Amino acid sequence: MGQEIDLLEDYPKAKRNLEERLASKNEVDRAIARKFGRDFFDGDRNHGYGGFNYMPRFWQPVMPTFKEYWNLTEDSSLLDVGCAKGFMLHDLSKLIPGISVKGVDISEYAVENTIDDMKPHVSVANATKLPFSDNKFDVVISINTIHNLEREECGQALQEIERVSRGKSFVTVDAYRNNEEKERMYAWNLTAKTIMSVDEWIKFFKDVNYNGDYFWFIP
């Protein structure tokens, strides 16, 4: 199996009011968010992002880490599973002109509203059945996406990531290390259907034969 590594260390950390979020979120909000439509991306803050727009300060600092860690060049290929509006792919392509990038997302709304230069490279697809051949990409990443699936489907998505990659992959998932973090996670969570402890995730990765790298989202 791969290693636990924080490749998003340079991604700006948001200031979160967990108490306010816990008080304001309910199952109706979660049901709306899990449709991953306009309400989730560009609607009310209780249903998701409250406006999902391109801001270079988010992904641009991370792209040099990706480039160095995987030795990415203009000859490399990368797939983003759960690419949303393609902002990360846009910044990666700016850093490495000529790199081959693809993105998939379950959200028709996100794909329809993808940043202009990435529209030819992004399509609607479910992570449990990626529309690509075996060993298609040098690198496959999935940031805070597969945990939005039920446990069995989450395993299928990890196996699909394994299938279409040439041995290099990276995922981040909602997790916790102790009871305090678990309470915070469930207070923060809006869309995830599979949330486990760090130890449970590592066992799960082994059980489904996911051999890539990984890290945790812990609010």
N, C-alpha and C. Protein backbone atom coordinates (compact mmCIF):
# COMPACT_ATOMS: atom_id res chain seq x y z
N MET A 1 0.83 -1.19 0.00
CA MET A 1 0.00 0.00 0.00
C MET A 1 0.87 1.25 0.00
N GLY A 2 0.28 2.36 -0.40
CA GLY A 2 1.02 3.62 -0.43
C GLY A 2 1.24 4.18 0.96
N GLN A 3 1.48 5.47 1.03
CA GLN A 3 1.80 6.09 2.30
C GLN A 3 0.83 7.20 2.66
N GLU A 4 0.73 7.47 3.96
CA GLU A 4 -0.01 8.63 4.44
C GLU A 4 0.87 9.85 4.23
N ILE A 5 0.39 10.79 3.42
CA ILE A 5 1.19 11.98 3.11
C ILE A 5 0.26 13.15 2.82
N ASP A 6 0.58 14.30 3.37
CA ASP A 6 -0.25 15.49 3.18
C ASP A 6 0.27 16.28 1.98
N LEU A 7 -0.25 15.96 0.81
CA LEU A 7 0.14 16.69 -0.39
C LEU A 7 -0.61 18.01 -0.52
N LEU A 8 -1.55 18.26 0.39
CA LEU A 8 -2.32 19.51 0.38
C LEU A 8 -1.87 20.45 1.49
N GLU A 9 -0.66 20.28 1.96
CA GLU A 9 -0.16 21.08 3.08
C GLU A 9 -0.22 22.57 2.78
N ASP A 10 -0.04 22.94 1.52
CA ASP A 10 -0.02 24.36 1.16
C ASP A 10 -1.39 24.88 0.71
N TYR A 11 -2.42 24.05 0.82
CA TYR A 11 -3.77 24.52 0.52
C TYR A 11 -4.24 25.40 1.68
N PRO A 12 -4.76 26.59 1.42
CA PRO A 12 -5.14 27.50 2.52
C PRO A 12 -6.15 26.86 3.46
N LYS A 13 -5.92 27.00 4.74
CA LYS A 13 -6.82 26.44 5.75
C LYS A 13 -7.94 27.43 6.06
N ALA A 14 -9.17 26.95 5.97
CA ALA A 14 -10.31 27.82 6.23
C ALA A 14 -10.57 27.93 7.73
N LYS A 15 -11.08 29.07 8.13
CA LYS A 15 -11.50 29.25 9.52
C LYS A 15 -12.94 28.76 9.63
N ARG A 16 -13.16 27.80 10.52
CA ARG A 16 -14.47 27.15 10.59
C ARG A 16 -15.11 27.36 11.96
N ASN A 17 -16.37 27.74 11.94
CA ASN A 17 -17.14 27.84 13.17
C ASN A 17 -18.00 26.58 13.28
N LEU A 18 -17.43 25.56 13.93
CA LEU A 18 -18.11 24.27 13.99
C LEU A 18 -19.40 24.34 14.79
N GLU A 19 -19.41 25.11 15.87
CA GLU A 19 -20.60 25.21 16.69
C GLU A 19 -21.76 25.79 15.89
N GLU A 20 -21.46 26.84 15.11
CA GLU A 20 -22.50 27.45 14.28
C GLU A 20 -22.97 26.48 13.22
N ARG A 21 -22.03 25.75 12.63
CA ARG A 21 -22.40 24.80 11.59
C ARG A 21 -23.27 23.67 12.15
N LEU A 22 -22.94 23.18 13.32
CA LEU A 22 -23.72 22.13 13.95
C LEU A 22 -25.15 22.60 14.21
N ALA A 23 -25.29 23.85 14.66
CA ALA A 23 -26.60 24.38 14.98
C ALA A 23 -27.45 24.63 13.73
N SER A 24 -26.78 24.91 12.60
CA SER A 24 -27.52 25.34 11.41
C SER A 24 -27.82 24.22 10.43
N LYS A 25 -27.09 23.10 10.48
CA LYS A 25 -27.27 22.03 9.50
C LYS A 25 -28.26 20.99 9.99
N ASN A 26 -29.08 20.49 9.07
CA ASN A 26 -30.01 19.42 9.40
C ASN A 26 -30.08 18.45 8.22
N GLU A 27 -30.90 17.42 8.36
CA GLU A 27 -30.96 16.39 7.32
C GLU A 27 -31.55 16.90 6.02
N VAL A 28 -32.38 17.91 6.08
CA VAL A 28 -32.91 18.51 4.85
C VAL A 28 -31.77 19.17 4.08
N ASP A 29 -30.93 19.90 4.81
CA ASP A 29 -29.76 20.52 4.17
C ASP A 29 -28.87 19.47 3.54
N ARG A 30 -28.64 18.37 4.25
CA ARG A 30 -27.77 17.31 3.73
C ARG A 30 -28.38 16.67 2.48
N ALA A 31 -29.68 16.48 2.48
CA ALA A 31 -30.35 15.88 1.32
C ALA A 31 -30.21 16.78 0.09
N ILE A 32 -30.32 18.07 0.29
CA ILE A 32 -30.15 19.02 -0.82
C ILE A 32 -28.71 19.02 -1.30
N ALA A 33 -27.77 19.05 -0.37
CA ALA A 33 -26.35 19.07 -0.73
C ALA A 33 -25.96 17.84 -1.53
N ARG A 34 -26.49 16.68 -1.15
CA ARG A 34 -26.10 15.42 -1.79
C ARG A 34 -26.63 15.26 -3.21
N LYS A 35 -27.40 16.21 -3.67
CA LYS A 35 -27.80 16.22 -5.09
C LYS A 35 -26.70 16.83 -5.96
N PHE A 36 -25.77 17.54 -5.33
CA PHE A 36 -24.62 18.12 -6.00
C PHE A 36 -25.01 18.96 -7.21
N GLY A 37 -26.09 19.72 -7.03
CA GLY A 37 -26.55 20.61 -8.09
C GLY A 37 -26.18 22.05 -7.81
N ARG A 38 -26.96 22.96 -8.38
CA ARG A 38 -26.67 24.38 -8.19
C ARG A 38 -26.70 24.75 -6.71
N ASP A 39 -27.66 24.19 -5.95
CA ASP A 39 -27.77 24.52 -4.53
C ASP A 39 -26.48 24.21 -3.78
N PHE A 40 -25.83 23.12 -4.14
CA PHE A 40 -24.60 22.72 -3.45
C PHE A 40 -23.44 23.66 -3.77
N PHE A 41 -23.29 23.97 -5.03
CA PHE A 41 -22.13 24.78 -5.43
C PHE A 41 -22.38 26.28 -5.28
N ASP A 42 -23.51 26.75 -5.73
CA ASP A 42 -23.72 28.20 -5.84
C ASP A 42 -25.00 28.68 -5.18
N GLY A 43 -25.52 27.90 -4.25
CA GLY A 43 -26.74 28.28 -3.55
C GLY A 43 -26.47 28.77 -2.14
N ASP A 44 -27.39 28.49 -1.25
CA ASP A 44 -27.29 28.90 0.15
C ASP A 44 -26.11 28.20 0.82
N ARG A 45 -25.43 28.91 1.72
CA ARG A 45 -24.27 28.36 2.42
C ARG A 45 -24.63 27.11 3.22
N ASN A 46 -25.86 26.99 3.68
CA ASN A 46 -26.27 25.82 4.44
C ASN A 46 -26.31 24.56 3.58
N HIS A 47 -26.31 24.73 2.27
CA HIS A 47 -26.43 23.59 1.37
C HIS A 47 -25.12 23.23 0.68
N GLY A 48 -24.05 23.98 1.01
CA GLY A 48 -22.77 23.68 0.37
C GLY A 48 -21.81 24.84 0.43
N TYR A 49 -21.21 25.15 -0.71
CA TYR A 49 -20.16 26.16 -0.76
C TYR A 49 -20.67 27.59 -0.59
N GLY A 50 -21.90 27.84 -1.02
CA GLY A 50 -22.39 29.20 -0.97
C GLY A 50 -21.75 30.09 -2.02
N GLY A 51 -21.33 29.48 -3.13
CA GLY A 51 -20.65 30.19 -4.20
C GLY A 51 -19.29 29.57 -4.46
N PHE A 52 -19.20 28.77 -5.52
CA PHE A 52 -17.97 28.03 -5.83
C PHE A 52 -17.33 28.66 -7.05
N ASN A 53 -16.40 29.56 -6.82
CA ASN A 53 -15.79 30.34 -7.89
C ASN A 53 -14.28 30.13 -7.91
N TYR A 54 -13.68 30.39 -9.07
CA TYR A 54 -12.24 30.21 -9.22
C TYR A 54 -11.48 31.26 -8.43
N MET A 55 -10.58 30.79 -7.58
CA MET A 55 -9.70 31.67 -6.83
C MET A 55 -8.30 31.05 -6.86
N PRO A 56 -7.35 31.68 -7.52
CA PRO A 56 -6.02 31.08 -7.68
C PRO A 56 -5.29 30.82 -6.38
N ARG A 57 -5.68 31.50 -5.30
CA ARG A 57 -4.96 31.32 -4.03
C ARG A 57 -5.17 29.94 -3.43
N PHE A 58 -6.18 29.20 -3.91
CA PHE A 58 -6.42 27.87 -3.35
C PHE A 58 -5.50 26.81 -3.94
N TRP A 59 -5.58 26.56 -5.25
CA TRP A 59 -4.86 25.43 -5.83
C TRP A 59 -3.47 25.77 -6.34
N GLN A 60 -3.24 27.02 -6.71
CA GLN A 60 -1.91 27.36 -7.24
C GLN A 60 -0.76 27.02 -6.29
N PRO A 61 -0.91 27.24 -4.97
CA PRO A 61 0.20 26.88 -4.08
C PRO A 61 0.45 25.37 -3.98
N VAL A 62 -0.56 24.56 -4.32
CA VAL A 62 -0.46 23.11 -4.19
C VAL A 62 0.19 22.46 -5.41
N MET A 63 0.01 23.07 -6.57
CA MET A 63 0.44 22.44 -7.81
C MET A 63 1.95 22.13 -7.87
N PRO A 64 2.83 22.99 -7.35
CA PRO A 64 4.25 22.61 -7.35
C PRO A 64 4.53 21.35 -6.55
N THR A 65 3.76 21.12 -5.49
CA THR A 65 3.92 19.89 -4.70
C THR A 65 3.55 18.68 -5.54
N PHE A 66 2.43 18.76 -6.25
CA PHE A 66 2.03 17.66 -7.13
C PHE A 66 3.11 17.41 -8.19
N LYS A 67 3.57 18.49 -8.80
CA LYS A 67 4.56 18.36 -9.87
C LYS A 67 5.82 17.66 -9.38
N GLU A 68 6.31 18.08 -8.23
CA GLU A 68 7.55 17.51 -7.70
C GLU A 68 7.36 16.07 -7.22
N TYR A 69 6.24 15.81 -6.52
CA TYR A 69 6.04 14.49 -5.92
C TYR A 69 5.92 13.40 -6.99
N TRP A 70 5.22 13.71 -8.08
CA TRP A 70 5.02 12.71 -9.12
C TRP A 70 5.90 12.93 -10.34
N ASN A 71 6.81 13.89 -10.26
CA ASN A 71 7.69 14.20 -11.39
C ASN A 71 6.89 14.46 -12.67
N LEU A 72 5.88 15.28 -12.55
CA LEU A 72 4.99 15.55 -13.67
C LEU A 72 5.67 16.43 -14.71
N THR A 73 5.44 16.09 -15.98
CA THR A 73 5.98 16.86 -17.11
C THR A 73 4.89 17.02 -18.16
N GLU A 74 5.24 17.66 -19.26
CA GLU A 74 4.29 17.82 -20.36
C GLU A 74 3.88 16.48 -20.95
N ASP A 75 4.64 15.44 -20.68
CA ASP A 75 4.33 14.11 -21.21
C ASP A 75 3.47 13.28 -20.25
N SER A 76 3.16 13.83 -19.08
CA SER A 76 2.40 13.09 -18.07
C SER A 76 0.90 13.20 -18.32
N SER A 77 0.15 12.29 -17.67
CA SER A 77 -1.31 12.32 -17.73
C SER A 77 -1.87 12.18 -16.32
N LEU A 78 -2.94 12.92 -16.04
CA LEU A 78 -3.53 12.92 -14.70
C LEU A 78 -5.05 12.99 -14.79
N LEU A 79 -5.70 12.21 -13.95
CA LEU A 79 -7.17 12.21 -13.84
C LEU A 79 -7.57 12.70 -12.46
N ASP A 80 -8.55 13.61 -12.42
CA ASP A 80 -9.12 14.10 -11.17
C ASP A 80 -10.54 13.55 -11.03
N VAL A 81 -10.74 12.67 -10.06
CA VAL A 81 -12.06 12.07 -9.81
C VAL A 81 -12.78 12.93 -8.77
N GLY A 82 -13.84 13.59 -9.22
CA GLY A 82 -14.52 14.57 -8.38
C GLY A 82 -13.95 15.95 -8.62
N CYS A 83 -13.85 16.31 -9.89
CA CYS A 83 -13.12 17.52 -10.29
C CYS A 83 -13.92 18.80 -10.11
N ALA A 84 -15.22 18.69 -9.81
CA ALA A 84 -16.08 19.86 -9.67
C ALA A 84 -15.99 20.73 -10.93
N LYS A 85 -15.64 22.00 -10.79
CA LYS A 85 -15.59 22.90 -11.95
C LYS A 85 -14.21 22.98 -12.61
N GLY A 86 -13.34 22.05 -12.26
CA GLY A 86 -12.06 21.93 -12.96
C GLY A 86 -10.99 22.92 -12.56
N PHE A 87 -11.14 23.55 -11.41
CA PHE A 87 -10.19 24.59 -11.01
C PHE A 87 -8.77 24.04 -10.78
N MET A 88 -8.69 22.88 -10.14
CA MET A 88 -7.37 22.30 -9.90
C MET A 88 -6.70 21.92 -11.21
N LEU A 89 -7.45 21.33 -12.13
CA LEU A 89 -6.89 20.95 -13.43
C LEU A 89 -6.42 22.18 -14.20
N HIS A 90 -7.16 23.26 -14.08
CA HIS A 90 -6.79 24.51 -14.73
C HIS A 90 -5.43 25.00 -14.23
N ASP A 91 -5.26 25.01 -12.91
CA ASP A 91 -4.00 25.50 -12.35
C ASP A 91 -2.84 24.57 -12.65
N LEU A 92 -3.11 23.27 -12.68
CA LEU A 92 -2.05 22.33 -13.03
C LEU A 92 -1.60 22.52 -14.48
N SER A 93 -2.55 22.74 -15.37
CA SER A 93 -2.23 22.95 -16.78
C SER A 93 -1.49 24.26 -17.00
N LYS A 94 -1.75 25.24 -16.16
CA LYS A 94 -1.02 26.50 -16.25
C LYS A 94 0.43 26.31 -15.81
N LEU A 95 0.63 25.49 -14.78
CA LEU A 95 1.99 25.24 -14.29
C LEU A 95 2.78 24.37 -15.25
N ILE A 96 2.10 23.37 -15.86
CA ILE A 96 2.78 22.42 -16.74
C ILE A 96 2.07 22.43 -18.10
N PRO A 97 2.36 23.40 -18.96
CA PRO A 97 1.72 23.44 -20.27
C PRO A 97 1.95 22.15 -21.05
N GLY A 98 0.88 21.63 -21.63
CA GLY A 98 0.99 20.42 -22.43
C GLY A 98 0.64 19.14 -21.69
N ILE A 99 0.56 19.18 -20.36
CA ILE A 99 0.19 17.98 -19.61
C ILE A 99 -1.21 17.53 -20.00
N SER A 100 -1.43 16.23 -20.08
CA SER A 100 -2.74 15.68 -20.42
C SER A 100 -3.57 15.53 -19.15
N VAL A 101 -4.69 16.23 -19.08
CA VAL A 101 -5.55 16.17 -17.89
C VAL A 101 -6.96 15.79 -18.28
N LYS A 102 -7.60 15.03 -17.39
CA LYS A 102 -9.01 14.69 -17.52
C LYS A 102 -9.64 14.83 -16.14
N GLY A 103 -10.93 15.10 -16.13
CA GLY A 103 -11.67 15.17 -14.87
C GLY A 103 -13.05 14.59 -15.05
N VAL A 104 -13.55 13.97 -13.99
CA VAL A 104 -14.94 13.48 -13.98
C VAL A 104 -15.60 13.95 -12.69
N ASP A 105 -16.90 14.15 -12.77
CA ASP A 105 -17.67 14.52 -11.60
C ASP A 105 -19.09 14.00 -11.76
N ILE A 106 -19.71 13.66 -10.64
CA ILE A 106 -21.09 13.16 -10.65
C ILE A 106 -22.07 14.28 -10.97
N SER A 107 -21.64 15.52 -10.79
CA SER A 107 -22.52 16.68 -10.91
C SER A 107 -22.60 17.21 -12.34
N GLU A 108 -23.76 17.11 -12.95
CA GLU A 108 -23.96 17.71 -14.26
C GLU A 108 -23.79 19.22 -14.18
N TYR A 109 -24.27 19.80 -13.08
CA TYR A 109 -24.16 21.26 -12.91
C TYR A 109 -22.70 21.69 -12.90
N ALA A 110 -21.86 20.98 -12.15
CA ALA A 110 -20.45 21.34 -12.08
C ALA A 110 -19.78 21.22 -13.44
N VAL A 111 -20.06 20.15 -14.15
CA VAL A 111 -19.44 19.95 -15.46
C VAL A 111 -19.91 21.02 -16.44
N GLU A 112 -21.19 21.35 -16.41
CA GLU A 112 -21.72 22.39 -17.29
C GLU A 112 -21.09 23.75 -16.99
N ASN A 113 -20.67 23.97 -15.75
CA ASN A 113 -20.11 25.24 -15.33
C ASN A 113 -18.61 25.18 -15.09
N THR A 114 -17.97 24.20 -15.71
CA THR A 114 -16.52 24.07 -15.60
C THR A 114 -15.82 25.29 -16.18
N ILE A 115 -14.70 25.67 -15.60
CA ILE A 115 -13.90 26.78 -16.11
C ILE A 115 -13.59 26.52 -17.59
N ASP A 116 -13.66 27.57 -18.40
CA ASP A 116 -13.73 27.44 -19.86
C ASP A 116 -12.66 26.55 -20.47
N ASP A 117 -11.39 26.73 -20.09
CA ASP A 117 -10.34 25.99 -20.78
C ASP A 117 -10.33 24.50 -20.45
N MET A 118 -11.06 24.11 -19.39
CA MET A 118 -11.11 22.70 -19.01
C MET A 118 -12.36 21.98 -19.53
N LYS A 119 -13.29 22.70 -20.11
CA LYS A 119 -14.54 22.07 -20.56
C LYS A 119 -14.32 20.90 -21.52
N PRO A 120 -13.35 20.96 -22.43
CA PRO A 120 -13.14 19.80 -23.31
C PRO A 120 -12.58 18.57 -22.59
N HIS A 121 -12.11 18.75 -21.37
CA HIS A 121 -11.41 17.68 -20.67
C HIS A 121 -12.21 17.08 -19.50
N VAL A 122 -13.43 17.57 -19.28
CA VAL A 122 -14.21 17.18 -18.11
C VAL A 122 -15.53 16.56 -18.56
N SER A 123 -15.96 15.52 -17.85
CA SER A 123 -17.21 14.86 -18.20
C SER A 123 -17.93 14.35 -16.96
N VAL A 124 -19.21 14.04 -17.13
CA VAL A 124 -20.02 13.50 -16.03
C VAL A 124 -19.79 12.00 -15.94
N ALA A 125 -19.46 11.52 -14.75
CA ALA A 125 -19.27 10.08 -14.54
C ALA A 125 -19.32 9.78 -13.06
N ASN A 126 -19.66 8.53 -12.75
CA ASN A 126 -19.67 8.05 -11.37
C ASN A 126 -18.31 7.43 -11.06
N ALA A 127 -17.79 7.73 -9.88
CA ALA A 127 -16.48 7.20 -9.50
C ALA A 127 -16.45 5.68 -9.44
N THR A 128 -17.62 5.05 -9.31
CA THR A 128 -17.67 3.59 -9.24
C THR A 128 -17.52 2.92 -10.61
N LYS A 129 -17.57 3.72 -11.67
CA LYS A 129 -17.42 3.17 -13.02
C LYS A 129 -16.77 4.22 -13.91
N LEU A 130 -15.47 4.34 -13.81
CA LEU A 130 -14.75 5.36 -14.55
C LEU A 130 -14.67 4.99 -16.04
N PRO A 131 -14.98 5.94 -16.92
CA PRO A 131 -15.05 5.64 -18.37
C PRO A 131 -13.69 5.69 -19.06
N PHE A 132 -12.74 4.96 -18.50
CA PHE A 132 -11.39 4.95 -19.06
C PHE A 132 -10.84 3.53 -19.04
N SER A 133 -9.88 3.28 -19.92
CA SER A 133 -9.28 1.95 -20.00
C SER A 133 -8.30 1.72 -18.86
N ASP A 134 -7.92 0.48 -18.67
CA ASP A 134 -6.95 0.12 -17.63
C ASP A 134 -5.63 0.86 -17.86
N ASN A 135 -5.01 1.27 -16.74
CA ASN A 135 -3.67 1.88 -16.79
C ASN A 135 -3.60 3.10 -17.72
N LYS A 136 -4.67 3.87 -17.74
CA LYS A 136 -4.77 5.00 -18.67
C LYS A 136 -3.93 6.19 -18.22
N PHE A 137 -3.83 6.43 -16.91
CA PHE A 137 -3.23 7.66 -16.40
C PHE A 137 -1.99 7.39 -15.55
N ASP A 138 -1.04 8.30 -15.67
CA ASP A 138 0.13 8.22 -14.80
C ASP A 138 -0.26 8.42 -13.34
N VAL A 139 -1.17 9.36 -13.11
CA VAL A 139 -1.60 9.70 -11.76
C VAL A 139 -3.11 9.87 -11.74
N VAL A 140 -3.74 9.35 -10.67
CA VAL A 140 -5.17 9.57 -10.44
C VAL A 140 -5.34 10.13 -9.03
N ILE A 141 -6.06 11.24 -8.92
CA ILE A 141 -6.31 11.82 -7.60
C ILE A 141 -7.80 11.95 -7.37
N SER A 142 -8.18 11.95 -6.10
CA SER A 142 -9.58 12.17 -5.73
C SER A 142 -9.59 12.85 -4.37
N ILE A 143 -9.96 14.13 -4.36
CA ILE A 143 -9.90 14.95 -3.16
C ILE A 143 -11.30 15.09 -2.55
N ASN A 144 -11.48 14.55 -1.36
CA ASN A 144 -12.75 14.69 -0.63
C ASN A 144 -13.96 14.32 -1.47
N THR A 145 -13.88 13.18 -2.14
CA THR A 145 -14.96 12.77 -3.04
C THR A 145 -15.51 11.39 -2.74
N ILE A 146 -14.65 10.37 -2.67
CA ILE A 146 -15.18 9.01 -2.59
C ILE A 146 -15.94 8.75 -1.30
N HIS A 147 -15.67 9.51 -0.24
CA HIS A 147 -16.42 9.31 1.01
C HIS A 147 -17.89 9.73 0.86
N ASN A 148 -18.23 10.37 -0.26
CA ASN A 148 -19.63 10.73 -0.49
C ASN A 148 -20.47 9.55 -0.95
N LEU A 149 -19.81 8.41 -1.14
CA LEU A 149 -20.49 7.18 -1.53
C LEU A 149 -20.73 6.28 -0.33
N GLU A 150 -21.70 5.38 -0.46
CA GLU A 150 -21.89 4.36 0.57
C GLU A 150 -20.66 3.47 0.62
N ARG A 151 -20.47 2.79 1.71
CA ARG A 151 -19.22 2.04 1.95
C ARG A 151 -18.86 1.11 0.80
N GLU A 152 -19.80 0.30 0.33
CA GLU A 152 -19.51 -0.65 -0.74
C GLU A 152 -19.11 0.09 -2.02
N GLU A 153 -19.83 1.16 -2.34
CA GLU A 153 -19.51 1.95 -3.53
C GLU A 153 -18.17 2.66 -3.37
N CYS A 154 -17.86 3.06 -2.17
CA CYS A 154 -16.58 3.69 -1.89
C CYS A 154 -15.44 2.72 -2.23
N GLY A 155 -15.61 1.47 -1.85
CA GLY A 155 -14.63 0.46 -2.19
C GLY A 155 -14.51 0.27 -3.69
N GLN A 156 -15.64 0.29 -4.39
CA GLN A 156 -15.63 0.15 -5.85
C GLN A 156 -14.87 1.32 -6.49
N ALA A 157 -15.09 2.53 -5.95
CA ALA A 157 -14.41 3.70 -6.49
C ALA A 157 -12.90 3.60 -6.31
N LEU A 158 -12.47 3.13 -5.15
CA LEU A 158 -11.04 2.95 -4.91
C LEU A 158 -10.45 1.92 -5.87
N GLN A 159 -11.19 0.86 -6.14
CA GLN A 159 -10.73 -0.15 -7.08
C GLN A 159 -10.66 0.39 -8.51
N GLU A 160 -11.59 1.27 -8.85
CA GLU A 160 -11.57 1.91 -10.16
C GLU A 160 -10.36 2.85 -10.30
N ILE A 161 -10.08 3.60 -9.24
CA ILE A 161 -8.90 4.46 -9.24
C ILE A 161 -7.64 3.61 -9.45
N GLU A 162 -7.61 2.50 -8.77
CA GLU A 162 -6.48 1.57 -8.90
C GLU A 162 -6.38 1.05 -10.34
N ARG A 163 -7.52 0.74 -10.93
CA ARG A 163 -7.56 0.15 -12.27
C ARG A 163 -7.05 1.10 -13.35
N VAL A 164 -7.46 2.36 -13.30
CA VAL A 164 -7.13 3.27 -14.39
C VAL A 164 -5.79 3.97 -14.21
N SER A 165 -5.16 3.79 -13.05
CA SER A 165 -3.86 4.42 -12.82
C SER A 165 -2.73 3.46 -13.17
N ARG A 166 -1.57 4.04 -13.38
CA ARG A 166 -0.38 3.23 -13.64
C ARG A 166 0.45 3.06 -12.39
N GLY A 167 -0.23 3.10 -11.25
CA GLY A 167 0.45 2.83 -9.99
C GLY A 167 0.60 4.01 -9.07
N LYS A 168 0.22 5.22 -9.53
CA LYS A 168 0.32 6.40 -8.69
C LYS A 168 -1.06 7.01 -8.49
N SER A 169 -1.46 7.14 -7.23
CA SER A 169 -2.76 7.73 -6.94
C SER A 169 -2.74 8.35 -5.55
N PHE A 170 -3.73 9.21 -5.31
CA PHE A 170 -3.81 9.93 -4.04
C PHE A 170 -5.27 10.28 -3.77
N VAL A 171 -5.74 9.93 -2.56
CA VAL A 171 -7.10 10.27 -2.17
C VAL A 171 -7.09 10.94 -0.80
N THR A 172 -8.06 11.81 -0.57
CA THR A 172 -8.30 12.32 0.78
C THR A 172 -9.74 12.01 1.14
N VAL A 173 -9.95 11.66 2.41
CA VAL A 173 -11.28 11.25 2.88
C VAL A 173 -11.54 11.81 4.28
N ASP A 174 -12.82 11.96 4.61
CA ASP A 174 -13.21 12.39 5.95
C ASP A 174 -12.83 11.31 6.96
N ALA A 175 -12.15 11.72 8.03
CA ALA A 175 -11.67 10.75 9.02
C ALA A 175 -11.53 11.42 10.38
N TYR A 176 -11.23 10.61 11.38
CA TYR A 176 -10.99 11.11 12.73
C TYR A 176 -10.05 10.17 13.46
N ARG A 177 -9.37 10.72 14.48
CA ARG A 177 -8.41 9.93 15.26
C ARG A 177 -8.87 9.67 16.68
N ASN A 178 -9.85 10.42 17.15
CA ASN A 178 -10.32 10.28 18.52
C ASN A 178 -11.78 10.74 18.59
N ASN A 179 -12.39 10.60 19.77
CA ASN A 179 -13.80 10.93 19.91
C ASN A 179 -14.09 12.41 19.68
N GLU A 180 -13.17 13.26 20.10
CA GLU A 180 -13.37 14.69 19.90
C GLU A 180 -13.41 15.03 18.40
N GLU A 181 -12.46 14.46 17.66
CA GLU A 181 -12.45 14.69 16.22
C GLU A 181 -13.67 14.06 15.55
N LYS A 182 -14.13 12.94 16.08
CA LYS A 182 -15.32 12.30 15.52
C LYS A 182 -16.54 13.20 15.68
N GLU A 183 -16.71 13.80 16.85
CA GLU A 183 -17.83 14.71 17.08
C GLU A 183 -17.75 15.91 16.15
N ARG A 184 -16.54 16.45 15.99
CA ARG A 184 -16.36 17.59 15.10
C ARG A 184 -16.66 17.23 13.66
N MET A 185 -16.24 16.03 13.26
CA MET A 185 -16.48 15.58 11.90
C MET A 185 -17.98 15.48 11.60
N TYR A 186 -18.71 14.86 12.50
CA TYR A 186 -20.14 14.69 12.25
C TYR A 186 -20.88 16.02 12.33
N ALA A 187 -20.34 16.96 13.08
CA ALA A 187 -20.91 18.31 13.12
C ALA A 187 -20.67 19.02 11.79
N TRP A 188 -19.49 18.81 11.23
CA TRP A 188 -19.13 19.50 10.00
C TRP A 188 -19.72 18.85 8.77
N ASN A 189 -19.87 17.53 8.77
CA ASN A 189 -20.21 16.79 7.57
C ASN A 189 -21.54 17.22 6.95
N LEU A 190 -21.50 17.37 5.63
CA LEU A 190 -22.70 17.71 4.88
C LEU A 190 -23.03 16.66 3.83
N THR A 191 -22.03 16.04 3.23
CA THR A 191 -22.27 15.14 2.11
C THR A 191 -21.73 13.72 2.28
N ALA A 192 -20.76 13.51 3.15
CA ALA A 192 -20.11 12.20 3.25
C ALA A 192 -21.06 11.14 3.80
N LYS A 193 -21.04 9.97 3.17
CA LYS A 193 -21.82 8.83 3.64
C LYS A 193 -20.94 7.76 4.28
N THR A 194 -19.64 7.84 4.03
CA THR A 194 -18.70 6.90 4.63
C THR A 194 -17.65 7.68 5.40
N ILE A 195 -17.76 7.65 6.73
CA ILE A 195 -16.81 8.32 7.60
C ILE A 195 -16.26 7.28 8.56
N MET A 196 -14.94 7.15 8.63
CA MET A 196 -14.33 6.16 9.50
C MET A 196 -13.14 6.76 10.22
N SER A 197 -12.68 6.06 11.22
CA SER A 197 -11.44 6.47 11.88
C SER A 197 -10.27 6.23 10.94
N VAL A 198 -9.15 6.84 11.25
CA VAL A 198 -7.94 6.66 10.45
C VAL A 198 -7.58 5.18 10.35
N ASP A 199 -7.60 4.47 11.46
CA ASP A 199 -7.25 3.04 11.46
C ASP A 199 -8.24 2.23 10.62
N GLU A 200 -9.52 2.58 10.69
CA GLU A 200 -10.53 1.86 9.91
C GLU A 200 -10.33 2.11 8.41
N TRP A 201 -9.99 3.34 8.06
CA TRP A 201 -9.72 3.63 6.65
C TRP A 201 -8.53 2.82 6.13
N ILE A 202 -7.47 2.79 6.90
CA ILE A 202 -6.27 2.07 6.45
C ILE A 202 -6.59 0.59 6.24
N LYS A 203 -7.35 0.01 7.15
CA LYS A 203 -7.78 -1.39 6.98
C LYS A 203 -8.65 -1.55 5.73
N PHE A 204 -9.54 -0.57 5.53
CA PHE A 204 -10.44 -0.60 4.37
C PHE A 204 -9.64 -0.53 3.07
N PHE A 205 -8.64 0.33 3.03
CA PHE A 205 -7.79 0.42 1.84
C PHE A 205 -7.17 -0.94 1.53
N LYS A 206 -6.67 -1.61 2.55
CA LYS A 206 -6.06 -2.92 2.35
C LYS A 206 -7.10 -3.94 1.88
N ASP A 207 -8.29 -3.89 2.48
CA ASP A 207 -9.34 -4.86 2.14
C ASP A 207 -9.79 -4.77 0.69
N VAL A 208 -9.80 -3.54 0.14
CA VAL A 208 -10.26 -3.36 -1.23
C VAL A 208 -9.10 -3.27 -2.23
N ASN A 209 -7.89 -3.53 -1.71
CA ASN A 209 -6.69 -3.54 -2.56
C ASN A 209 -6.38 -2.18 -3.20
N TYR A 210 -6.61 -1.13 -2.42
CA TYR A 210 -6.16 0.19 -2.87
C TYR A 210 -4.71 0.36 -2.42
N ASN A 211 -3.83 0.64 -3.37
CA ASN A 211 -2.40 0.68 -3.09
C ASN A 211 -1.78 2.07 -3.23
N GLY A 212 -2.64 3.09 -3.37
CA GLY A 212 -2.13 4.44 -3.55
C GLY A 212 -1.89 5.16 -2.24
N ASP A 213 -1.50 6.43 -2.36
CA ASP A 213 -1.28 7.27 -1.20
C ASP A 213 -2.61 7.85 -0.71
N TYR A 214 -2.58 8.43 0.50
CA TYR A 214 -3.83 8.88 1.11
C TYR A 214 -3.55 9.89 2.21
N PHE A 215 -4.58 10.67 2.51
CA PHE A 215 -4.54 11.57 3.65
C PHE A 215 -5.96 11.85 4.08
N TRP A 216 -6.08 12.62 5.17
CA TRP A 216 -7.37 12.77 5.85
C TRP A 216 -7.86 14.22 5.81
N PHE A 217 -9.17 14.37 5.72
CA PHE A 217 -9.78 15.66 5.98
C PHE A 217 -10.37 15.60 7.39
N ILE A 218 -9.85 16.44 8.29
CA ILE A 218 -10.33 16.49 9.67
C ILE A 218 -10.57 17.96 10.01
N PRO A 219 -11.82 18.41 10.12
CA PRO A 219 -12.09 19.84 10.36
C PRO A 219 -11.64 20.29 11.73
